[in-house]
Amino acid sequence: MDHAQLQKQLSATDSHIAEAKALIARQRAVLARARAVGYPLETAQATLDALESSLLMFEKHREWAISNMTNG
């Protein structure tokens, strides 16, 4: 993969990271509201867990892209 492709991929990954962080913040608010009114938390918590896992994968991918840009 050439430098331009890696840069494009890095930019897309940065967008995914920002979106994931925004979704996580919203989901934490959903979870707090559900907890406050006594709704079951399993689905809201599972969604938050999945979003946080996705964020971690995006961040690892970003590290990989940066590594390949500097070492490639």
PDB file of N, CA and C in Angstrom:
ATOM      1  N   MET A   1       0.855  -1.163   0.000  1.00  0.00           N
ATOM      2  CA  MET A   1       0.000   0.000   0.000  1.00  0.00           C
ATOM      3  C   MET A   1       0.905   1.232   0.000  1.00  0.00           C
ATOM      4  N   ASP A   2       0.643   2.174  -0.891  1.00  0.00           N
ATOM      5  CA  ASP A   2       1.509   3.344  -0.965  1.00  0.00           C
ATOM      6  C   ASP A   2       1.113   4.388   0.087  1.00  0.00           C
ATOM      7  N   HIS A   3       1.952   5.402   0.194  1.00  0.00           N
ATOM      8  CA  HIS A   3       1.771   6.424   1.226  1.00  0.00           C
ATOM      9  C   HIS A   3       0.423   7.139   1.094  1.00  0.00           C
ATOM     10  N   ALA A   4       0.007   7.448  -0.108  1.00  0.00           N
ATOM     11  CA  ALA A   4      -1.272   8.143  -0.318  1.00  0.00           C
ATOM     12  C   ALA A   4      -2.448   7.282   0.145  1.00  0.00           C
ATOM     13  N   GLN A   5      -2.377   5.997  -0.144  1.00  0.00           N
ATOM     14  CA  GLN A   5      -3.445   5.095   0.294  1.00  0.00           C
ATOM     15  C   GLN A   5      -3.481   4.988   1.821  1.00  0.00           C
ATOM     16  N   LEU A   6      -2.294   4.908   2.427  1.00  0.00           N
ATOM     17  CA  LEU A   6      -2.231   4.841   3.882  1.00  0.00           C
ATOM     18  C   LEU A   6      -2.764   6.126   4.505  1.00  0.00           C
ATOM     19  N   GLN A   7      -2.449   7.270   3.894  1.00  0.00           N
ATOM     20  CA  GLN A   7      -2.939   8.541   4.412  1.00  0.00           C
ATOM     21  C   GLN A   7      -4.466   8.609   4.318  1.00  0.00           C
ATOM     22  N   LYS A   8      -5.015   8.132   3.205  1.00  0.00           N
ATOM     23  CA  LYS A   8      -6.464   8.108   3.042  1.00  0.00           C
ATOM     24  C   LYS A   8      -7.099   7.178   4.074  1.00  0.00           C
ATOM     25  N   GLN A   9      -6.486   6.032   4.299  1.00  0.00           N
ATOM     26  CA  GLN A   9      -6.990   5.079   5.273  1.00  0.00           C
ATOM     27  C   GLN A   9      -6.900   5.657   6.683  1.00  0.00           C
ATOM     28  N   LEU A  10      -5.822   6.372   6.979  1.00  0.00           N
ATOM     29  CA  LEU A  10      -5.661   7.001   8.283  1.00  0.00           C
ATOM     30  C   LEU A  10      -6.738   8.057   8.505  1.00  0.00           C
ATOM     31  N   SER A  11      -7.017   8.840   7.497  1.00  0.00           N
ATOM     32  CA  SER A  11      -8.065   9.857   7.595  1.00  0.00           C
ATOM     33  C   SER A  11      -9.430   9.220   7.854  1.00  0.00           C
ATOM     34  N   ALA A  12      -9.728   8.159   7.134  1.00  0.00           N
ATOM     35  CA  ALA A  12     -10.999   7.455   7.344  1.00  0.00           C
ATOM     36  C   ALA A  12     -11.066   6.863   8.752  1.00  0.00           C
ATOM     37  N   THR A  13      -9.954   6.312   9.207  1.00  0.00           N
ATOM     38  CA  THR A  13      -9.910   5.731  10.545  1.00  0.00           C
ATOM     39  C   THR A  13     -10.114   6.805  11.604  1.00  0.00           C
ATOM     40  N   ASP A  14      -9.517   7.975  11.405  1.00  0.00           N
ATOM     41  CA  ASP A  14      -9.724   9.075  12.349  1.00  0.00           C
ATOM     42  C   ASP A  14     -11.200   9.460  12.409  1.00  0.00           C
ATOM     43  N   SER A  15     -11.877   9.459  11.272  1.00  0.00           N
ATOM     44  CA  SER A  15     -13.313   9.756  11.253  1.00  0.00           C
ATOM     45  C   SER A  15     -14.102   8.690  12.001  1.00  0.00           C
ATOM     46  N   HIS A  16     -13.738   7.437  11.810  1.00  0.00           N
ATOM     47  CA  HIS A  16     -14.408   6.340  12.511  1.00  0.00           C
ATOM     48  C   HIS A  16     -14.198   6.454  14.024  1.00  0.00           C
ATOM     49  N   ILE A  17     -12.991   6.830  14.427  1.00  0.00           N
ATOM     50  CA  ILE A  17     -12.696   6.989  15.858  1.00  0.00           C
ATOM     51  C   ILE A  17     -13.558   8.101  16.449  1.00  0.00           C
ATOM     52  N   ALA A  18     -13.634   9.228  15.764  1.00  0.00           N
ATOM     53  CA  ALA A  18     -14.440  10.348  16.265  1.00  0.00           C
ATOM     54  C   ALA A  18     -15.912   9.951  16.363  1.00  0.00           C
ATOM     55  N   GLU A  19     -16.401   9.248  15.350  1.00  0.00           N
ATOM     56  CA  GLU A  19     -17.798   8.808  15.370  1.00  0.00           C
ATOM     57  C   GLU A  19     -18.044   7.811  16.500  1.00  0.00           C
ATOM     58  N   ALA A  20     -17.127   6.887  16.696  1.00  0.00           N
ATOM     59  CA  ALA A  20     -17.277   5.896  17.764  1.00  0.00           C
ATOM     60  C   ALA A  20     -17.292   6.578  19.132  1.00  0.00           C
ATOM     61  N   LYS A  21     -16.431   7.568  19.323  1.00  0.00           N
ATOM     62  CA  LYS A  21     -16.406   8.281  20.602  1.00  0.00           C
ATOM     63  C   LYS A  21     -17.732   9.006  20.844  1.00  0.00           C
ATOM     64  N   ALA A  22     -18.292   9.597  19.804  1.00  0.00           N
ATOM     65  CA  ALA A  22     -19.586  10.278  19.943  1.00  0.00           C
ATOM     66  C   ALA A  22     -20.689   9.278  20.272  1.00  0.00           C
ATOM     67  N   LEU A  23     -20.681   8.132  19.600  1.00  0.00           N
ATOM     68  CA  LEU A  23     -21.683   7.095  19.879  1.00  0.00           C
ATOM     69  C   LEU A  23     -21.550   6.558  21.298  1.00  0.00           C
ATOM     70  N   ILE A  24     -20.329   6.401  21.756  1.00  0.00           N
ATOM     71  CA  ILE A  24     -20.092   5.915  23.116  1.00  0.00           C
ATOM     72  C   ILE A  24     -20.641   6.917  24.131  1.00  0.00           C
ATOM     73  N   ALA A  25     -20.398   8.185  23.899  1.00  0.00           N
ATOM     74  CA  ALA A  25     -20.919   9.204  24.818  1.00  0.00           C
ATOM     75  C   ALA A  25     -22.449   9.162  24.870  1.00  0.00           C
ATOM     76  N   ARG A  26     -23.075   9.045  23.704  1.00  0.00           N
ATOM     77  CA  ARG A  26     -24.536   8.962  23.675  1.00  0.00           C
ATOM     78  C   ARG A  26     -25.033   7.695  24.359  1.00  0.00           C
ATOM     79  N   GLN A  27     -24.344   6.589  24.133  1.00  0.00           N
ATOM     80  CA  GLN A  27     -24.780   5.332  24.736  1.00  0.00           C
ATOM     81  C   GLN A  27     -24.610   5.356  26.243  1.00  0.00           C
ATOM     82  N   ARG A  28     -23.564   6.018  26.722  1.00  0.00           N
ATOM     83  CA  ARG A  28     -23.402   6.154  28.173  1.00  0.00           C
ATOM     84  C   ARG A  28     -24.565   6.944  28.767  1.00  0.00           C
ATOM     85  N   ALA A  29     -25.036   7.959  28.045  1.00  0.00           N
ATOM     86  CA  ALA A  29     -26.191   8.736  28.506  1.00  0.00           C
ATOM     87  C   ALA A  29     -27.445   7.867  28.511  1.00  0.00           C
ATOM     88  N   VAL A  30     -27.614   7.046  27.479  1.00  0.00           N
ATOM     89  CA  VAL A  30     -28.755   6.125  27.425  1.00  0.00           C
ATOM     90  C   VAL A  30     -28.706   5.178  28.614  1.00  0.00           C
ATOM     91  N   LEU A  31     -27.546   4.647  28.889  1.00  0.00           N
ATOM     92  CA  LEU A  31     -27.374   3.711  29.995  1.00  0.00           C
ATOM     93  C   LEU A  31     -27.698   4.396  31.332  1.00  0.00           C
ATOM     94  N   ALA A  32     -27.244   5.625  31.492  1.00  0.00           N
ATOM     95  CA  ALA A  32     -27.523   6.358  32.733  1.00  0.00           C
ATOM     96  C   ALA A  32     -29.020   6.611  32.899  1.00  0.00           C
ATOM     97  N   ARG A  33     -29.691   6.993  31.810  1.00  0.00           N
ATOM     98  CA  ARG A  33     -31.136   7.217  31.886  1.00  0.00           C
ATOM     99  C   ARG A  33     -31.867   5.917  32.208  1.00  0.00           C
ATOM    100  N   ALA A  34     -31.469   4.838  31.577  1.00  0.00           N
ATOM    101  CA  ALA A  34     -32.105   3.541  31.834  1.00  0.00           C
ATOM    102  C   ALA A  34     -31.912   3.138  33.294  1.00  0.00           C
ATOM    103  N   ARG A  35     -30.708   3.354  33.785  1.00  0.00           N
ATOM    104  CA  ARG A  35     -30.425   3.016  35.187  1.00  0.00           C
ATOM    105  C   ARG A  35     -31.283   3.878  36.121  1.00  0.00           C
ATOM    106  N   ALA A  36     -31.431   5.160  35.794  1.00  0.00           N
ATOM    107  CA  ALA A  36     -32.171   6.093  36.653  1.00  0.00           C
ATOM    108  C   ALA A  36     -33.647   5.738  36.767  1.00  0.00           C
ATOM    109  N   VAL A  37     -34.215   5.187  35.707  1.00  0.00           N
ATOM    110  CA  VAL A  37     -35.648   4.866  35.745  1.00  0.00           C
ATOM    111  C   VAL A  37     -35.919   3.390  36.006  1.00  0.00           C
ATOM    112  N   GLY A  38     -34.863   2.627  36.176  1.00  0.00           N
ATOM    113  CA  GLY A  38     -35.041   1.229  36.533  1.00  0.00           C
ATOM    114  C   GLY A  38     -35.276   0.276  35.376  1.00  0.00           C
ATOM    115  N   TYR A  39     -34.970   0.706  34.147  1.00  0.00           N
ATOM    116  CA  TYR A  39     -35.104  -0.194  33.001  1.00  0.00           C
ATOM    117  C   TYR A  39     -34.014  -1.250  33.031  1.00  0.00           C
ATOM    118  N   PRO A  40     -34.248  -2.385  32.399  1.00  0.00           N
ATOM    119  CA  PRO A  40     -33.192  -3.400  32.290  1.00  0.00           C
ATOM    120  C   PRO A  40     -31.979  -2.811  31.550  1.00  0.00           C
ATOM    121  N   LEU A  41     -30.813  -3.163  32.003  1.00  0.00           N
ATOM    122  CA  LEU A  41     -29.592  -2.561  31.474  1.00  0.00           C
ATOM    123  C   LEU A  41     -28.818  -3.452  30.513  1.00  0.00           C
ATOM    124  N   GLU A  42     -29.221  -4.701  30.363  1.00  0.00           N
ATOM    125  CA  GLU A  42     -28.415  -5.652  29.609  1.00  0.00           C
ATOM    126  C   GLU A  42     -28.159  -5.202  28.173  1.00  0.00           C
ATOM    127  N   THR A  43     -29.197  -4.810  27.464  1.00  0.00           N
ATOM    128  CA  THR A  43     -29.033  -4.427  26.059  1.00  0.00           C
ATOM    129  C   THR A  43     -28.230  -3.142  25.927  1.00  0.00           C
ATOM    130  N   ALA A  44     -28.526  -2.170  26.771  1.00  0.00           N
ATOM    131  CA  ALA A  44     -27.785  -0.906  26.724  1.00  0.00           C
ATOM    132  C   ALA A  44     -26.312  -1.130  27.046  1.00  0.00           C
ATOM    133  N   GLN A  45     -26.033  -1.985  28.028  1.00  0.00           N
ATOM    134  CA  GLN A  45     -24.648  -2.265  28.388  1.00  0.00           C
ATOM    135  C   GLN A  45     -23.937  -3.047  27.283  1.00  0.00           C
ATOM    136  N   ALA A  46     -24.625  -4.007  26.686  1.00  0.00           N
ATOM    137  CA  ALA A  46     -24.028  -4.787  25.594  1.00  0.00           C
ATOM    138  C   ALA A  46     -23.704  -3.887  24.407  1.00  0.00           C
ATOM    139  N   THR A  47     -24.578  -2.934  24.139  1.00  0.00           N
ATOM    140  CA  THR A  47     -24.328  -1.989  23.048  1.00  0.00           C
ATOM    141  C   THR A  47     -23.101  -1.141  23.355  1.00  0.00           C
ATOM    142  N   LEU A  48     -23.007  -0.641  24.574  1.00  0.00           N
ATOM    143  CA  LEU A  48     -21.838   0.144  24.976  1.00  0.00           C
ATOM    144  C   LEU A  48     -20.567  -0.685  24.860  1.00  0.00           C
ATOM    145  N   ASP A  49     -20.615  -1.917  25.319  1.00  0.00           N
ATOM    146  CA  ASP A  49     -19.445  -2.795  25.227  1.00  0.00           C
ATOM    147  C   ASP A  49     -19.010  -2.990  23.776  1.00  0.00           C
ATOM    148  N   ALA A  50     -19.977  -3.190  22.887  1.00  0.00           N
ATOM    149  CA  ALA A  50     -19.663  -3.383  21.467  1.00  0.00           C
ATOM    150  C   ALA A  50     -19.050  -2.121  20.868  1.00  0.00           C
ATOM    151  N   LEU A  51     -19.595  -0.965  21.222  1.00  0.00           N
ATOM    152  CA  LEU A  51     -19.050   0.293  20.714  1.00  0.00           C
ATOM    153  C   LEU A  51     -17.620   0.513  21.205  1.00  0.00           C
ATOM    154  N   GLU A  52     -17.376   0.204  22.472  1.00  0.00           N
ATOM    155  CA  GLU A  52     -16.036   0.361  23.022  1.00  0.00           C
ATOM    156  C   GLU A  52     -15.053  -0.609  22.369  1.00  0.00           C
ATOM    157  N   SER A  53     -15.498  -1.815  22.058  1.00  0.00           N
ATOM    158  CA  SER A  53     -14.644  -2.773  21.345  1.00  0.00           C
ATOM    159  C   SER A  53     -14.318  -2.272  19.949  1.00  0.00           C
ATOM    160  N   SER A  54     -15.306  -1.709  19.291  1.00  0.00           N
ATOM    161  CA  SER A  54     -15.076  -1.152  17.958  1.00  0.00           C
ATOM    162  C   SER A  54     -14.063  -0.014  18.014  1.00  0.00           C
ATOM    163  N   LEU A  55     -14.208   0.855  19.002  1.00  0.00           N
ATOM    164  CA  LEU A  55     -13.264   1.959  19.157  1.00  0.00           C
ATOM    165  C   LEU A  55     -11.848   1.424  19.334  1.00  0.00           C
ATOM    166  N   LEU A  56     -11.695   0.423  20.154  1.00  0.00           N
ATOM    167  CA  LEU A  56     -10.372  -0.164  20.368  1.00  0.00           C
ATOM    168  C   LEU A  56      -9.786  -0.706  19.062  1.00  0.00           C
ATOM    169  N   MET A  57     -10.611  -1.356  18.261  1.00  0.00           N
ATOM    170  CA  MET A  57     -10.130  -1.870  16.973  1.00  0.00           C
ATOM    171  C   MET A  57      -9.729  -0.730  16.042  1.00  0.00           C
ATOM    172  N   PHE A  58     -10.522   0.331  16.000  1.00  0.00           N
ATOM    173  CA  PHE A  58     -10.173   1.486  15.165  1.00  0.00           C
ATOM    174  C   PHE A  58      -8.848   2.103  15.628  1.00  0.00           C
ATOM    175  N   GLU A  59      -8.662   2.213  16.942  1.00  0.00           N
ATOM    176  CA  GLU A  59      -7.424   2.794  17.453  1.00  0.00           C
ATOM    177  C   GLU A  59      -6.219   1.914  17.133  1.00  0.00           C
ATOM    178  N   LYS A  60      -6.387   0.605  17.208  1.00  0.00           N
ATOM    179  CA  LYS A  60      -5.292  -0.306  16.836  1.00  0.00           C
ATOM    180  C   LYS A  60      -4.999  -0.213  15.345  1.00  0.00           C
ATOM    181  N   HIS A  61      -6.041  -0.081  14.541  1.00  0.00           N
ATOM    182  CA  HIS A  61      -5.843   0.064  13.101  1.00  0.00           C
ATOM    183  C   HIS A  61      -5.099   1.368  12.800  1.00  0.00           C
ATOM    184  N   ARG A  62      -5.439   2.419  13.529  1.00  0.00           N
ATOM    185  CA  ARG A  62      -4.760   3.696  13.349  1.00  0.00           C
ATOM    186  C   ARG A  62      -3.267   3.550  13.662  1.00  0.00           C
ATOM    187  N   GLU A  63      -2.957   2.872  14.760  1.00  0.00           N
ATOM    188  CA  GLU A  63      -1.562   2.634  15.118  1.00  0.00           C
ATOM    189  C   GLU A  63      -0.841   1.872  14.013  1.00  0.00           C
ATOM    190  N   TRP A  64      -1.509   0.873  13.459  1.00  0.00           N
ATOM    191  CA  TRP A  64      -0.924   0.095  12.360  1.00  0.00           C
ATOM    192  C   TRP A  64      -0.653   0.986  11.151  1.00  0.00           C
ATOM    193  N   ALA A  65      -1.622   1.822  10.791  1.00  0.00           N
ATOM    194  CA  ALA A  65      -1.455   2.693   9.627  1.00  0.00           C
ATOM    195  C   ALA A  65      -0.309   3.660   9.829  1.00  0.00           C
ATOM    196  N   ILE A  66      -0.212   4.245  11.024  1.00  0.00           N
ATOM    197  CA  ILE A  66       0.886   5.171  11.312  1.00  0.00           C
ATOM    198  C   ILE A  66       2.221   4.440  11.251  1.00  0.00           C
ATOM    199  N   SER A  67       2.263   3.250  11.811  1.00  0.00           N
ATOM    200  CA  SER A  67       3.482   2.460  11.785  1.00  0.00           C
ATOM    201  C   SER A  67       3.925   2.174  10.358  1.00  0.00           C
ATOM    202  N   ASN A  68       2.974   1.827   9.498  1.00  0.00           N
ATOM    203  CA  ASN A  68       3.308   1.532   8.114  1.00  0.00           C
ATOM    204  C   ASN A  68       3.691   2.779   7.329  1.00  0.00           C
ATOM    205  N   MET A  69       3.187   3.931   7.728  1.00  0.00           N
ATOM    206  CA  MET A  69       3.565   5.178   7.052  1.00  0.00           C
ATOM    207  C   MET A  69       4.995   5.555   7.405  1.00  0.00           C
ATOM    208  N   THR A  70       5.368   5.326   8.659  1.00  0.00           N
ATOM    209  CA  THR A  70       6.715   5.731   9.092  1.00  0.00           C
ATOM    210  C   THR A  70       7.769   4.679   8.760  1.00  0.00           C
ATOM    211  N   ASN A  71       7.350   3.421   8.647  1.00  0.00           N
ATOM    212  CA  ASN A  71       8.302   2.355   8.359  1.00  0.00           C
ATOM    213  C   ASN A  71       8.304   1.949   6.900  1.00  0.00           C
ATOM    214  N   GLY A  72       7.327   2.424   6.156  1.00  0.00           N
ATOM    215  CA  GLY A  72       7.196   1.993   4.764  1.00  0.00           C
ATOM    216  C   GLY A  72       7.904   2.883   3.875  1.00  0.00           C
TER     217      GLY A  72
END
